[in-house]
């Protein structure tokens, strides 16, 4: 995933781990590094596995380990 793709992710978007392609994760939360909002690129996304229900965090430091399955379909994007 690139930084541009990361910035487009919203609640409901689905991502796939490159190390475990059998498990899809749905974005369920956003958080901020530090004490103040410094822009979307500093956000951390929380996601939950659809099979194992394992919670993970995605941020700009681990983008290269994730692929996007689809963006939030409520917005009509793909």
N, C-alpha and C. Protein backbone atom coordinates (compact mmCIF):
# COMPACT_ATOMS: atom_id res chain seq x y z
N UNK A 1 0.85 -1.17 0.00
CA UNK A 1 0.00 0.00 0.00
C UNK A 1 0.90 1.23 0.00
N UNK A 2 0.50 2.23 -0.73
CA UNK A 2 1.23 3.49 -0.78
C UNK A 2 0.62 4.48 0.22
N UNK A 3 1.32 5.58 0.45
CA UNK A 3 0.79 6.61 1.35
C UNK A 3 -0.51 7.19 0.79
N UNK A 4 -0.59 7.38 -0.51
CA UNK A 4 -1.83 7.90 -1.12
C UNK A 4 -3.00 6.95 -0.87
N UNK A 5 -2.76 5.65 -0.99
CA UNK A 5 -3.82 4.67 -0.72
C UNK A 5 -4.22 4.70 0.75
N UNK A 6 -3.23 4.81 1.63
CA UNK A 6 -3.48 4.88 3.08
C UNK A 6 -4.38 6.07 3.41
N UNK A 7 -4.12 7.21 2.80
CA UNK A 7 -4.88 8.42 3.08
C UNK A 7 -6.34 8.31 2.63
N UNK A 8 -6.64 7.40 1.71
CA UNK A 8 -8.01 7.21 1.23
C UNK A 8 -8.82 6.22 2.07
N UNK A 9 -8.16 5.47 2.95
CA UNK A 9 -8.87 4.46 3.74
C UNK A 9 -9.83 5.11 4.72
N UNK A 10 -11.00 4.53 4.86
CA UNK A 10 -12.04 5.00 5.77
C UNK A 10 -12.60 3.81 6.52
N UNK A 11 -13.49 4.08 7.47
CA UNK A 11 -14.19 3.00 8.17
C UNK A 11 -14.85 2.08 7.15
N UNK A 12 -14.71 0.79 7.35
CA UNK A 12 -15.33 -0.18 6.46
C UNK A 12 -14.45 -0.64 5.32
N UNK A 13 -13.34 0.05 5.06
CA UNK A 13 -12.42 -0.40 4.03
C UNK A 13 -11.80 -1.73 4.46
N UNK A 14 -11.41 -2.54 3.48
CA UNK A 14 -10.86 -3.87 3.78
C UNK A 14 -9.44 -3.95 3.25
N UNK A 15 -8.52 -4.43 4.11
CA UNK A 15 -7.12 -4.60 3.73
C UNK A 15 -6.71 -6.05 3.95
N UNK A 16 -5.59 -6.41 3.33
CA UNK A 16 -5.09 -7.77 3.35
C UNK A 16 -3.62 -7.74 3.72
N UNK A 17 -3.22 -8.57 4.68
CA UNK A 17 -1.82 -8.67 5.07
C UNK A 17 -1.06 -9.46 4.02
N UNK A 18 0.10 -8.97 3.60
CA UNK A 18 0.91 -9.69 2.63
C UNK A 18 1.49 -10.97 3.23
N UNK A 19 1.67 -10.99 4.55
CA UNK A 19 2.22 -12.18 5.20
C UNK A 19 1.17 -13.24 5.50
N UNK A 20 -0.11 -12.86 5.53
CA UNK A 20 -1.19 -13.81 5.79
C UNK A 20 -2.37 -13.48 4.88
N UNK A 21 -2.28 -13.82 3.59
CA UNK A 21 -3.32 -13.42 2.64
C UNK A 21 -4.67 -14.09 2.83
N UNK A 22 -4.78 -15.05 3.74
CA UNK A 22 -6.07 -15.69 3.99
C UNK A 22 -6.98 -14.84 4.86
N UNK A 23 -6.41 -13.88 5.58
CA UNK A 23 -7.18 -13.08 6.55
C UNK A 23 -7.38 -11.66 6.04
N UNK A 24 -8.63 -11.24 5.93
CA UNK A 24 -8.95 -9.87 5.57
C UNK A 24 -9.24 -9.09 6.86
N UNK A 25 -8.86 -7.82 6.86
CA UNK A 25 -9.08 -6.95 8.01
C UNK A 25 -9.93 -5.75 7.59
N UNK A 26 -10.93 -5.43 8.40
CA UNK A 26 -11.79 -4.29 8.13
C UNK A 26 -11.41 -3.13 9.05
N UNK A 27 -11.27 -1.93 8.48
CA UNK A 27 -10.93 -0.74 9.25
C UNK A 27 -12.11 -0.40 10.16
N UNK A 28 -11.84 -0.31 11.47
CA UNK A 28 -12.91 -0.05 12.43
C UNK A 28 -12.64 1.16 13.33
N UNK A 29 -11.42 1.75 13.26
CA UNK A 29 -11.08 2.80 14.20
C UNK A 29 -9.94 3.66 13.65
N UNK A 30 -9.87 4.90 14.11
CA UNK A 30 -8.71 5.75 13.82
C UNK A 30 -8.21 6.33 15.13
N UNK A 31 -6.92 6.60 15.18
CA UNK A 31 -6.30 7.17 16.37
C UNK A 31 -5.22 8.14 15.90
N UNK A 32 -4.61 8.85 16.83
CA UNK A 32 -3.63 9.87 16.51
C UNK A 32 -2.36 9.61 17.30
N UNK A 33 -1.19 9.76 16.64
CA UNK A 33 0.10 9.71 17.35
C UNK A 33 0.22 10.95 18.22
N UNK A 34 0.69 10.81 19.44
CA UNK A 34 0.94 11.97 20.28
C UNK A 34 -0.33 12.58 20.84
N UNK A 35 -0.24 13.86 21.15
CA UNK A 35 -1.33 14.53 21.85
C UNK A 35 -2.21 15.40 20.95
N UNK A 36 -1.76 15.70 19.75
CA UNK A 36 -2.57 16.58 18.91
C UNK A 36 -2.64 16.05 17.48
N UNK A 37 -3.67 16.45 16.77
CA UNK A 37 -3.86 16.04 15.38
C UNK A 37 -2.89 16.82 14.50
N UNK A 38 -2.02 16.10 13.78
CA UNK A 38 -1.03 16.74 12.90
C UNK A 38 -1.24 16.37 11.44
N UNK A 39 -2.40 15.87 11.10
CA UNK A 39 -2.68 15.50 9.72
C UNK A 39 -2.96 14.02 9.59
N UNK A 40 -3.65 13.68 8.53
CA UNK A 40 -4.08 12.30 8.29
C UNK A 40 -2.89 11.33 8.21
N UNK A 41 -1.75 11.79 7.69
CA UNK A 41 -0.59 10.90 7.54
C UNK A 41 -0.02 10.44 8.88
N UNK A 42 -0.38 11.09 9.97
CA UNK A 42 0.09 10.70 11.30
C UNK A 42 -0.93 9.84 12.05
N UNK A 43 -2.05 9.55 11.43
CA UNK A 43 -3.08 8.73 12.07
C UNK A 43 -2.70 7.26 12.07
N UNK A 44 -3.29 6.54 12.99
CA UNK A 44 -3.16 5.09 13.07
C UNK A 44 -4.56 4.53 12.84
N UNK A 45 -4.65 3.52 11.99
CA UNK A 45 -5.93 2.88 11.73
C UNK A 45 -6.00 1.56 12.48
N UNK A 46 -7.11 1.32 13.12
CA UNK A 46 -7.36 0.04 13.78
C UNK A 46 -8.20 -0.82 12.86
N UNK A 47 -7.87 -2.10 12.80
CA UNK A 47 -8.62 -3.02 11.95
C UNK A 47 -8.83 -4.34 12.69
N UNK A 48 -9.89 -5.04 12.32
CA UNK A 48 -10.22 -6.32 12.96
C UNK A 48 -10.33 -7.39 11.88
N UNK A 49 -9.70 -8.55 12.17
CA UNK A 49 -9.75 -9.67 11.24
C UNK A 49 -11.16 -10.22 11.11
N UNK A 50 -11.57 -10.53 9.89
CA UNK A 50 -12.92 -11.03 9.65
C UNK A 50 -13.08 -12.48 10.11
N UNK A 51 -11.99 -13.23 10.17
CA UNK A 51 -12.06 -14.63 10.58
C UNK A 51 -11.68 -14.79 12.05
N UNK A 52 -10.51 -14.28 12.42
CA UNK A 52 -9.99 -14.47 13.79
C UNK A 52 -10.44 -13.40 14.76
N UNK A 53 -10.95 -12.28 14.26
CA UNK A 53 -11.35 -11.13 15.09
C UNK A 53 -10.15 -10.53 15.83
N UNK A 54 -8.96 -10.78 15.32
CA UNK A 54 -7.73 -10.21 15.90
C UNK A 54 -7.65 -8.73 15.54
N UNK A 55 -7.31 -7.89 16.51
CA UNK A 55 -7.17 -6.45 16.28
C UNK A 55 -5.73 -6.12 15.90
N UNK A 56 -5.57 -5.27 14.89
CA UNK A 56 -4.24 -4.84 14.45
C UNK A 56 -4.27 -3.33 14.24
N UNK A 57 -3.07 -2.75 14.08
CA UNK A 57 -2.94 -1.32 13.83
C UNK A 57 -2.13 -1.13 12.55
N UNK A 58 -2.56 -0.19 11.74
CA UNK A 58 -1.87 0.14 10.50
C UNK A 58 -1.48 1.61 10.57
N UNK A 59 -0.21 1.90 10.32
CA UNK A 59 0.25 3.28 10.29
C UNK A 59 1.26 3.44 9.16
N UNK A 60 1.80 4.63 9.02
CA UNK A 60 2.71 4.89 7.90
C UNK A 60 4.00 4.08 7.99
N UNK A 61 4.31 3.52 9.16
CA UNK A 61 5.51 2.71 9.32
C UNK A 61 5.38 1.29 8.81
N UNK A 62 4.16 0.80 8.64
CA UNK A 62 4.00 -0.58 8.17
C UNK A 62 3.11 -0.70 6.93
N UNK A 63 3.00 0.36 6.18
CA UNK A 63 2.16 0.36 4.97
C UNK A 63 2.58 -0.71 3.96
N UNK A 64 3.88 -0.95 3.86
CA UNK A 64 4.37 -1.87 2.82
C UNK A 64 3.93 -3.31 3.05
N UNK A 65 3.42 -3.63 4.23
CA UNK A 65 2.99 -4.99 4.54
C UNK A 65 1.50 -5.23 4.26
N UNK A 66 0.80 -4.23 3.71
CA UNK A 66 -0.65 -4.32 3.52
C UNK A 66 -1.04 -4.03 2.08
N UNK A 67 -2.09 -4.69 1.62
CA UNK A 67 -2.71 -4.42 0.32
C UNK A 67 -4.17 -4.07 0.56
N UNK A 68 -4.73 -3.25 -0.30
CA UNK A 68 -6.14 -2.88 -0.18
C UNK A 68 -6.99 -3.86 -0.98
N UNK A 69 -8.00 -4.42 -0.32
CA UNK A 69 -8.96 -5.28 -1.01
C UNK A 69 -10.03 -4.39 -1.64
N UNK A 70 -10.62 -3.51 -0.82
CA UNK A 70 -11.55 -2.51 -1.36
C UNK A 70 -11.69 -1.35 -0.38
N UNK A 71 -12.07 -0.21 -0.93
CA UNK A 71 -12.35 0.96 -0.11
C UNK A 71 -13.77 0.84 0.41
N UNK A 72 -14.13 1.67 1.34
CA UNK A 72 -15.48 1.68 1.89
C UNK A 72 -16.49 1.85 0.76
N UNK A 73 -17.33 0.87 0.59
CA UNK A 73 -18.28 0.88 -0.53
C UNK A 73 -19.41 1.89 -0.34
N UNK A 74 -19.60 2.40 0.87
CA UNK A 74 -20.64 3.41 1.10
C UNK A 74 -20.33 4.69 0.33
N UNK A 75 -19.05 4.93 0.07
CA UNK A 75 -18.65 6.12 -0.67
C UNK A 75 -18.66 5.88 -2.17
N UNK A 76 -18.87 4.64 -2.59
CA UNK A 76 -18.91 4.34 -4.01
C UNK A 76 -17.55 4.24 -4.66
N UNK A 77 -16.49 4.07 -3.86
CA UNK A 77 -15.15 3.97 -4.40
C UNK A 77 -14.73 2.51 -4.51
N UNK A 78 -13.78 2.27 -5.38
CA UNK A 78 -13.17 0.95 -5.47
C UNK A 78 -11.75 1.09 -5.92
